[in-house]
C-alpha atoms as a PDB file:
ATOM      1  CA  MET A   1       0.098  -0.132   0.266  1.00  0.00           C
ATOM      2  CA  GLU A   2       2.633   2.516   0.971  1.00  0.00           C
ATOM      3  CA  ILE A   3       4.606   1.574  -2.368  1.00  0.00           C
ATOM      4  CA  GLY A   4       1.511   2.348  -4.492  1.00  0.00           C
ATOM      5  CA  LEU A   5       0.674   5.747  -3.098  1.00  0.00           C
ATOM      6  CA  LEU A   6       4.744   6.562  -3.207  1.00  0.00           C
ATOM      7  CA  PHE A   7       4.664   5.692  -6.707  1.00  0.00           C
ATOM      8  CA  VAL A   8       1.387   7.975  -7.648  1.00  0.00           C
ATOM      9  CA  ALA A   9       3.305  11.052  -5.652  1.00  0.00           C
ATOM     10  CA  VAL A  10       6.294  10.030  -7.803  1.00  0.00           C
ATOM     11  CA  LEU A  11       4.090   9.726 -11.061  1.00  0.00           C
ATOM     12  CA  VAL A  12       2.063  13.503 -10.159  1.00  0.00           C
ATOM     13  CA  LEU A  13       5.423  15.493  -9.035  1.00  0.00           C
ATOM     14  CA  GLY A  14       6.536  14.186 -12.372  1.00  0.00           C
ATOM     15  CA  GLY A  15       3.947  14.780 -14.185  1.00  0.00           C
ATOM     16  CA  ILE A  16       3.483  18.331 -12.274  1.00  0.00           C
ATOM     17  CA  VAL A  17       7.298  19.493 -13.186  1.00  0.00           C
ATOM     18  CA  PHE A  18       6.691  18.094 -16.936  1.00  0.00           C
ATOM     19  CA  ALA A  19       3.700  20.833 -17.208  1.00  0.00           C
ATOM     20  CA  LEU A  20       5.486  23.545 -15.605  1.00  0.00           C
ATOM     21  CA  SER A  21       8.589  23.023 -17.556  1.00  0.00           C
ATOM     22  CA  GLY A  22       7.588  22.957 -21.430  1.00  0.00           C
ATOM     23  CA  LYS A  23       7.713  25.709 -23.315  1.00  0.00           C
ATOM     24  CA  ARG A  24       5.316  28.079 -23.607  1.00  0.00           C
ATOM     25  CA  ARG A  25       3.664  29.398 -26.628  1.00  0.00           C
ATOM     26  CA  THR A  26       3.987  33.305 -27.233  1.00  0.00           C
ATOM     27  CA  SER A  27       2.765  33.455 -30.875  1.00  0.00           C
ATOM     28  CA  GLY A  28       0.122  32.247 -33.503  1.00  0.00           C
ATOM     29  CA  ALA A  29       2.886  31.084 -35.265  1.00  0.00           C
ATOM     30  CA  PRO A  30       2.749  26.872 -36.120  1.00  0.00           C
ATOM     31  CA  ARG A  31       4.648  25.028 -33.801  1.00  0.00           C
ATOM     32  CA  GLU A  32       7.361  21.970 -35.770  1.00  0.00           C
ATOM     33  CA  ALA A  33       4.979  19.319 -34.650  1.00  0.00           C
ATOM     34  CA  ASP A  34       1.876  21.627 -36.098  1.00  0.00           C
ATOM     35  CA  ARG A  35       3.072  21.291 -39.424  1.00  0.00           C
ATOM     36  CA  GLY A  36       4.410  17.367 -39.627  1.00  0.00           C
ATOM     37  CA  VAL A  37       8.460  17.906 -38.808  1.00  0.00           C
ATOM     38  CA  LEU A  38       9.596  15.935 -36.202  1.00  0.00           C
ATOM     39  CA  VAL A  39      10.421  18.108 -33.278  1.00  0.00           C
ATOM     40  CA  GLY A  40      12.816  15.352 -31.059  1.00  0.00           C
ATOM     41  CA  LEU A  41      15.322  14.588 -34.065  1.00  0.00           C
ATOM     42  CA  VAL A  42      16.341  18.462 -35.037  1.00  0.00           C
ATOM     43  CA  GLU A  43      19.580  18.886 -36.270  1.00  0.00           C
ATOM     44  CA  PRO A  44      21.797  19.540 -33.024  1.00  0.00           C
ATOM     45  CA  VAL A  45      23.690  23.469 -32.834  1.00  0.00           C
ATOM     46  CA  PRO A  46      27.286  22.973 -32.708  1.00  0.00           C
ATOM     47  CA  SER A  47      29.532  24.293 -29.524  1.00  0.00           C
ATOM     48  CA  LEU A  48      32.134  25.443 -31.544  1.00  0.00           C
ATOM     49  CA  PRO A  49      32.487  27.059 -34.982  1.00  0.00           C
ATOM     50  CA  PRO A  50      33.695  24.539 -38.012  1.00  0.00           C
ATOM     51  CA  VAL A  51      36.806  25.433 -39.634  1.00  0.00           C
ATOM     52  CA  LEU A  52      37.349  24.648 -42.914  1.00  0.00           C
ATOM     53  CA  LEU A  53      40.333  25.085 -46.107  1.00  0.00           C
ATOM     54  CA  PRO A  54      41.060  28.389 -47.155  1.00  0.00           C
ATOM     55  CA  ALA A  55      40.685  28.850 -50.551  1.00  0.00           C
ATOM     56  CA  HIS A  56      44.348  27.406 -51.981  1.00  0.00           C
ATOM     57  CA  PRO A  57      45.564  25.078 -49.204  1.00  0.00           C
ATOM     58  CA  ARG A  58      48.438  23.919 -48.200  1.00  0.00           C
ATOM     59  CA  ALA A  59      49.342  20.344 -46.104  1.00  0.00           C
ATOM     60  CA  SER A  60      49.374  22.755 -42.851  1.00  0.00           C
ATOM     61  CA  ASP A  61      45.909  23.943 -43.676  1.00  0.00           C
ATOM     62  CA  ILE A  62      44.438  19.589 -43.863  1.00  0.00           C
ATOM     63  CA  GLY A  63      45.562  19.237 -39.715  1.00  0.00           C
ATOM     64  CA  GLN A  64      43.834  21.708 -38.586  1.00  0.00           C
ATOM     65  CA  VAL A  65      40.658  21.757 -40.229  1.00  0.00           C
ATOM     66  CA  ARG A  66      37.365  20.229 -38.098  1.00  0.00           C
ATOM     67  CA  PHE A  67      33.732  20.176 -39.141  1.00  0.00           C
ATOM     68  CA  ALA A  68      30.617  20.704 -36.367  1.00  0.00           C
ATOM     69  CA  VAL A  69      28.933  17.358 -34.955  1.00  0.00           C
ATOM     70  CA  GLY A  70      25.248  17.041 -37.021  1.00  0.00           C
ATOM     71  CA  LEU A  71      22.327  14.118 -35.536  1.00  0.00           C
ATOM     72  CA  ARG A  72      25.131  11.714 -37.332  1.00  0.00           C
ATOM     73  CA  GLY A  73      28.124  12.488 -36.826  1.00  0.00           C
ATOM     74  CA  TYR A  74      30.672  15.115 -39.279  1.00  0.00           C
ATOM     75  CA  ARG A  75      27.800  17.426 -41.047  1.00  0.00           C
ATOM     76  CA  ALA A  76      27.869  16.419 -44.832  1.00  0.00           C
ATOM     77  CA  ASP A  77      27.828  19.965 -46.011  1.00  0.00           C
ATOM     78  CA  GLN A  78      30.669  20.857 -44.516  1.00  0.00           C
ATOM     79  CA  VAL A  79      32.687  17.232 -45.196  1.00  0.00           C
ATOM     80  CA  ASP A  80      31.380  17.745 -49.311  1.00  0.00           C
ATOM     81  CA  GLU A  81      33.065  20.994 -49.165  1.00  0.00           C
ATOM     82  CA  VAL A  82      36.408  20.565 -48.325  1.00  0.00           C
ATOM     83  CA  LEU A  83      36.479  17.847 -50.521  1.00  0.00           C
ATOM     84  CA  GLY A  84      35.704  20.055 -52.941  1.00  0.00           C
ATOM     85  CA  VAL A  85      38.156  22.608 -52.612  1.00  0.00           C
ATOM     86  CA  LEU A  86      40.787  19.622 -52.515  1.00  0.00           C
ATOM     87  CA  GLY A  87      39.708  18.719 -55.641  1.00  0.00           C
ATOM     88  CA  GLY A  88      39.032  21.368 -57.016  1.00  0.00           C
ATOM     89  CA  GLU A  89      43.307  22.175 -55.487  1.00  0.00           C
ATOM     90  CA  ILE A  90      44.506  18.703 -56.232  1.00  0.00           C
ATOM     91  CA  GLU A  91      43.338  19.661 -60.759  1.00  0.00           C
ATOM     92  CA  ARG A  92      44.121  23.512 -60.927  1.00  0.00           C
ATOM     93  CA  LEU A  93      48.199  21.560 -58.963  1.00  0.00           C
ATOM     94  CA  ARG A  94      48.077  19.214 -61.804  1.00  0.00           C
ATOM     95  CA  ALA A  95      47.484  21.394 -64.727  1.00  0.00           C
ATOM     96  CA  GLU A  96      49.919  23.823 -63.373  1.00  0.00           C
ATOM     97  CA  LEU A  97      52.948  21.425 -63.560  1.00  0.00           C
ATOM     98  CA  ALA A  98      51.332  20.041 -66.826  1.00  0.00           C
ATOM     99  CA  THR A  99      51.803  23.272 -68.612  1.00  0.00           C
ATOM    100  CA  ARG A 100      55.117  23.720 -66.300  1.00  0.00           C
ATOM    101  CA  GLN A 101      56.300  20.060 -67.887  1.00  0.00           C
ATOM    102  CA  SER A 102      55.366  21.021 -71.413  1.00  0.00           C
ATOM    103  CA  GLY A 103      56.867  24.534 -72.082  1.00  0.00           C
ATOM    104  CA  VAL A 104      60.118  23.155 -70.556  1.00  0.00           C
END
């Protein structure tokens, strides 16, 4: 009997805390849940800004790359941007090397 009362008291107290800690709506704008968006699986906000590559990266710049952590690991848009910059720089250097070798 005592355990049952304790269980009910914990449930009531938990319900009160849950009700009081919820965010209050301050505007008439629809909430994300009202628009059919999953509210619990939103993209986390990175705590630090990403450190990506400059336009013409050097080998030392690659060691300083930091990606923001996303829902499933690193943010894919940042990784794609870094890979795009590296690929472009490699192609630019290959073209420059080819022109120098053909001119010599």
